[in-house]
């Protein structure tokens, strides 16, 4: 699928951060067609890196907003007890 998209002239290439944003938002909305589409934009390794980067940035932003540590926010988001 990726090879076909790359071979077609005029096909827009997506970067790992666009893919991660689309993938995570589709997962949050349980939108399987969008999940599959975003999964095909980049390699699985690149998507994993992008999702990790998005998670880190989201936790940091929430921690700043809440005045808490990133560790505390991450545990709360995952439903884990305070350490």
Protein backbone atom coordinates (compact mmCIF):
# COMPACT_ATOMS: atom_id res chain seq x y z
CA UNK A 1 0.00 0.00 0.00
CA UNK A 2 2.79 2.46 0.95
CA UNK A 3 4.77 1.49 -2.15
CA UNK A 4 1.72 2.10 -4.36
CA UNK A 5 1.12 5.52 -2.79
CA UNK A 6 4.77 6.49 -3.23
CA UNK A 7 4.75 5.38 -6.86
CA UNK A 8 1.67 7.43 -7.79
CA UNK A 9 2.51 10.93 -8.96
CA UNK A 10 0.72 13.68 -7.07
CA UNK A 11 0.23 11.48 -4.01
CA UNK A 12 0.90 13.44 -0.85
CA UNK A 13 3.50 11.99 1.51
CA UNK A 14 2.65 12.13 5.22
CA UNK A 15 5.24 12.58 7.94
CA UNK A 16 5.40 10.49 11.11
CA UNK A 17 3.79 13.17 13.26
CA UNK A 18 0.81 13.59 10.94
CA UNK A 19 0.41 9.82 10.92
CA UNK A 20 0.64 9.62 14.71
CA UNK A 21 -1.89 12.41 15.23
CA UNK A 22 -4.34 10.85 12.79
CA UNK A 23 -3.82 7.35 14.24
CA UNK A 24 -4.21 8.35 17.89
CA UNK A 25 -7.26 10.53 17.27
CA UNK A 26 -8.86 7.74 15.22
CA UNK A 27 -8.15 5.26 18.04
CA UNK A 28 -9.71 7.65 20.56
CA UNK A 29 -12.83 7.83 18.38
CA UNK A 30 -12.79 4.08 17.64
CA UNK A 31 -12.77 4.83 13.89
CA UNK A 32 -11.33 1.66 12.33
CA UNK A 33 -11.20 2.95 8.72
CA UNK A 34 -9.18 6.01 9.80
CA UNK A 35 -6.94 3.83 11.98
CA UNK A 36 -6.14 1.62 9.00
CA UNK A 37 -5.60 4.61 6.72
CA UNK A 38 -3.19 6.36 9.10
CA UNK A 39 -1.37 3.06 9.71
CA UNK A 40 -0.53 2.91 6.03
CA UNK A 41 1.02 6.37 5.82
CA UNK A 42 4.38 5.43 7.38
CA UNK A 43 6.23 2.31 8.48
CA UNK A 44 5.10 0.63 11.71
CA UNK A 45 8.37 1.68 13.36
CA UNK A 46 7.90 5.31 12.36
CA UNK A 47 4.29 5.25 13.53
CA UNK A 48 5.39 3.83 16.88
CA UNK A 49 7.98 6.60 17.26
CA UNK A 50 5.39 9.26 16.37
CA UNK A 51 2.82 7.85 18.81
CA UNK A 52 5.47 7.77 21.56
CA UNK A 53 6.42 11.38 20.87
CA UNK A 54 2.76 12.42 20.90
CA UNK A 55 2.21 10.64 24.22
CA UNK A 56 5.24 12.34 25.78
CA UNK A 57 4.15 15.78 24.61
CA UNK A 58 0.57 15.21 25.78
CA UNK A 59 1.66 14.08 29.24
CA UNK A 60 4.02 17.05 29.58
CA UNK A 61 1.28 19.48 28.49
CA UNK A 62 -1.24 17.99 30.92
CA UNK A 63 1.31 17.99 33.74
CA UNK A 64 2.02 21.68 33.20
CA UNK A 65 -1.68 22.47 33.00
CA UNK A 66 -2.44 20.56 36.20
CA UNK A 67 0.69 21.58 38.08
CA UNK A 68 1.61 17.92 38.58
CA UNK A 69 4.57 15.77 37.61
CA UNK A 70 4.51 13.91 34.26
CA UNK A 71 4.86 10.67 36.24
CA UNK A 72 1.73 11.41 38.25
CA UNK A 73 -0.27 12.43 35.18
CA UNK A 74 0.78 9.34 33.22
CA UNK A 75 -0.25 7.04 36.08
CA UNK A 76 -3.59 8.85 36.45
CA UNK A 77 -4.33 8.60 32.72
CA UNK A 78 -3.67 4.86 32.85
CA UNK A 79 -5.80 4.39 35.96
CA UNK A 80 -2.84 3.33 38.08
CA UNK A 81 -2.61 4.11 41.80
CA UNK A 82 -0.26 6.85 42.93
CA UNK A 83 3.28 5.58 43.36
